[in-house]
Amino acid sequence: MSRISAVNDRGFTLLEMVIAMFIFFAVIAVIPILLQTANPPASDLSRNDQEIHTWFQEISKEAQYARDYAVEQNRLIITDIDGVERTYRRSGSNLIRSGRSGGHSVLQNIDGFHAQLVSDGVVITVNANKKEYKRQLRPTRAPEEEDIWIKREL
């Protein structure tokens, strides 16, 4: 009679499992790097251009609560419906926003900032990267007795 050899079918050893997991995680760590170099950024806009467009969106939202605009010494002063004033001015290559709580830089690496009053609001011009960006803002024109429904959410 021939004897059948015993087969070890207990599965993987701990060492084999650790080696397999190491290889798996090494491959997973390399995939994002390969994908990032294979796909260039989808946008033709530079980071500075994107920041300027984002700032114009933010100031447009702020203009929803504006009661009045003023331009003094190339500074834009926005007064909201609560009487709070916010000032935008250029300092070097930065655009500074000042308010009750102090000031901070909202745009960097700009070549110029100009605000001009027009009959129905203000036109803001920002120059950066040899490009000119413009946006017109209009104040809120709600009747005085209807100011109750225009309240700013903080």
Protein backbone atom coordinates (compact mmCIF):
# COMPACT_ATOMS: atom_id res chain seq x y z
CA MET A 1 0.00 0.00 0.00
CA SER A 2 1.23 3.42 -0.85
CA ARG A 3 1.09 6.13 1.66
CA ILE A 4 -0.53 9.52 0.75
CA SER A 5 1.49 12.51 1.88
CA ALA A 6 -0.18 15.00 4.12
CA VAL A 7 -0.90 18.35 2.41
CA ASN A 8 -0.67 21.58 4.40
CA ASP A 9 -3.86 23.46 3.53
CA ARG A 10 -4.00 25.81 6.49
CA GLY A 11 -3.69 28.93 4.27
CA PHE A 12 -1.23 31.81 4.25
CA THR A 13 1.31 32.30 6.96
CA LEU A 14 1.55 35.64 8.72
CA LEU A 15 4.77 36.50 6.89
CA GLU A 16 3.20 35.85 3.48
CA MET A 17 0.23 38.05 4.40
CA VAL A 18 2.48 40.94 5.51
CA ILE A 19 4.48 40.75 2.27
CA ALA A 20 1.29 40.72 0.17
CA MET A 21 -0.12 43.74 2.04
CA PHE A 22 3.17 45.64 1.62
CA ILE A 23 3.11 45.10 -2.14
CA PHE A 24 -0.58 46.07 -2.33
CA PHE A 25 -0.11 49.35 -0.41
CA ALA A 26 3.04 50.22 -2.39
CA VAL A 27 1.07 49.93 -5.63
CA ILE A 28 -1.83 51.96 -4.19
CA ALA A 29 0.59 54.71 -3.09
CA VAL A 30 2.11 55.03 -6.57
CA ILE A 31 -1.15 55.19 -8.57
CA PRO A 32 -2.17 58.78 -7.57
CA ILE A 33 1.31 60.06 -8.46
CA LEU A 34 1.10 58.46 -11.89
CA LEU A 35 -2.39 59.82 -12.50
CA GLN A 36 -1.39 63.33 -11.43
CA THR A 37 1.50 63.48 -13.89
CA ALA A 38 -0.62 61.99 -16.68
CA ASN A 39 -3.44 64.56 -16.39
CA PRO A 40 -2.50 68.25 -16.71
CA PRO A 41 -4.74 70.78 -14.93
CA ALA A 42 -8.07 71.17 -16.68
CA SER A 43 -8.20 74.95 -16.28
CA ASP A 44 -6.25 77.41 -18.38
CA LEU A 45 -6.59 79.98 -15.62
CA SER A 46 -3.63 80.55 -13.37
CA ARG A 47 -4.01 80.39 -9.62
CA ASN A 48 -4.02 84.20 -9.42
CA ASP A 49 -6.77 84.39 -12.06
CA GLN A 50 -8.86 81.93 -10.07
CA GLU A 51 -8.35 83.97 -6.89
CA ILE A 52 -9.49 87.14 -8.67
CA HIS A 53 -12.62 85.43 -10.03
CA THR A 54 -13.39 84.03 -6.56
CA TRP A 55 -12.93 87.49 -5.01
CA PHE A 56 -15.32 89.01 -7.56
CA GLN A 57 -17.91 86.38 -6.58
CA GLU A 58 -17.44 87.21 -2.89
CA ILE A 59 -17.71 90.96 -3.40
CA SER A 60 -20.80 90.43 -5.57
CA LYS A 61 -22.42 88.59 -2.64
CA GLU A 62 -21.38 91.41 -0.33
CA ALA A 63 -22.94 93.90 -2.76
CA GLN A 64 -26.33 92.29 -2.17
CA TYR A 65 -26.31 93.99 1.24
CA ALA A 66 -24.74 97.28 0.10
CA ARG A 67 -26.66 100.48 0.65
CA ASP A 68 -24.07 102.89 -0.75
CA TYR A 69 -20.67 103.09 -2.45
CA ALA A 70 -18.04 105.80 -2.19
CA VAL A 71 -14.62 106.24 -3.78
CA GLU A 72 -12.05 108.36 -1.94
CA GLN A 73 -8.35 108.50 -2.82
CA ASN A 74 -8.67 105.31 -4.90
CA ARG A 75 -10.27 103.45 -1.99
CA LEU A 76 -13.64 101.78 -2.39
CA ILE A 77 -15.94 102.19 0.61
CA ILE A 78 -19.01 99.95 0.77
CA THR A 79 -21.68 100.77 3.35
CA ASP A 80 -24.11 97.93 4.01
CA ILE A 81 -27.73 98.13 5.14
CA ASP A 82 -26.64 97.97 8.80
CA GLY A 83 -24.36 101.02 8.39
CA VAL A 84 -21.14 98.99 8.54
CA GLU A 85 -18.39 100.31 6.27
CA ARG A 86 -15.86 98.09 4.49
CA THR A 87 -12.91 99.61 2.68
CA TYR A 88 -10.91 98.11 -0.16
CA ARG A 89 -7.56 99.66 -1.04
CA ARG A 90 -4.37 98.67 -2.79
CA SER A 91 -1.19 98.41 -0.76
CA GLY A 92 1.82 97.43 -2.86
CA SER A 93 0.78 94.35 -4.80
CA ASN A 94 -2.01 93.42 -2.35
CA LEU A 95 -5.66 94.38 -2.10
CA ILE A 96 -6.55 95.06 1.54
CA ARG A 97 -10.06 94.80 3.00
CA SER A 98 -10.66 96.81 6.18
CA GLY A 99 -13.69 96.77 8.43
CA ARG A 100 -14.68 96.81 12.08
CA SER A 101 -12.40 93.90 12.96
CA GLY A 102 -9.28 95.26 11.23
CA GLY A 103 -7.85 94.60 7.83
CA HIS A 104 -6.49 91.69 5.86
CA SER A 105 -5.23 90.94 2.38
CA VAL A 106 -7.89 89.56 0.03
CA LEU A 107 -5.86 89.53 -3.20
CA GLN A 108 -2.15 89.24 -3.80
CA ASN A 109 0.12 89.88 -6.80
CA ILE A 110 -2.08 92.50 -8.42
CA ASP A 111 -0.75 95.30 -10.60
CA GLY A 112 -3.63 97.73 -10.13
CA PHE A 113 -6.98 98.39 -8.44
CA HIS A 114 -9.43 101.08 -9.47
CA ALA A 115 -13.00 101.85 -8.48
CA GLN A 116 -15.19 104.30 -10.38
CA LEU A 117 -18.65 105.46 -9.41
CA VAL A 118 -21.28 105.22 -12.13
CA SER A 119 -24.93 106.23 -12.11
CA ASP A 120 -26.20 102.88 -10.80
CA GLY A 121 -23.32 101.58 -8.68
CA VAL A 122 -19.57 101.20 -9.00
CA VAL A 123 -17.24 99.62 -11.55
CA ILE A 124 -14.27 97.76 -10.04
CA THR A 125 -11.18 97.12 -12.15
CA VAL A 126 -8.34 94.82 -11.09
CA ASN A 127 -5.18 94.49 -13.18
CA ALA A 128 -3.03 91.37 -12.77
CA ASN A 129 -0.91 89.18 -15.05
CA LYS A 130 -1.19 91.75 -17.85
CA LYS A 131 -4.99 91.26 -17.84
CA GLU A 132 -7.80 93.55 -16.80
CA TYR A 133 -10.78 92.25 -14.82
CA LYS A 134 -13.94 94.36 -14.42
CA ARG A 135 -17.15 93.97 -12.48
CA GLN A 136 -20.03 96.36 -11.89
CA LEU A 137 -21.76 96.33 -8.51
CA ARG A 138 -25.13 97.86 -7.76
CA PRO A 139 -26.41 98.81 -4.29
CA THR A 140 -29.60 97.36 -2.83
CA ARG A 141 -32.54 99.61 -3.61
CA ALA A 142 -35.20 98.51 -1.15
CA PRO A 143 -37.59 101.13 0.21
CA GLU A 144 -36.80 102.25 3.76
CA GLU A 145 -39.96 100.73 5.22
CA GLU A 146 -39.10 97.33 3.73
CA ASP A 147 -35.63 97.06 5.34
CA ILE A 148 -37.00 94.42 7.71
CA TRP A 149 -36.90 91.65 5.08
CA ILE A 150 -33.29 92.36 4.09
CA LYS A 151 -31.27 91.05 6.98
CA ARG A 152 -27.78 89.74 6.75
CA GLU A 153 -27.07 86.24 7.97
CA LEU A 154 -23.90 86.09 10.02
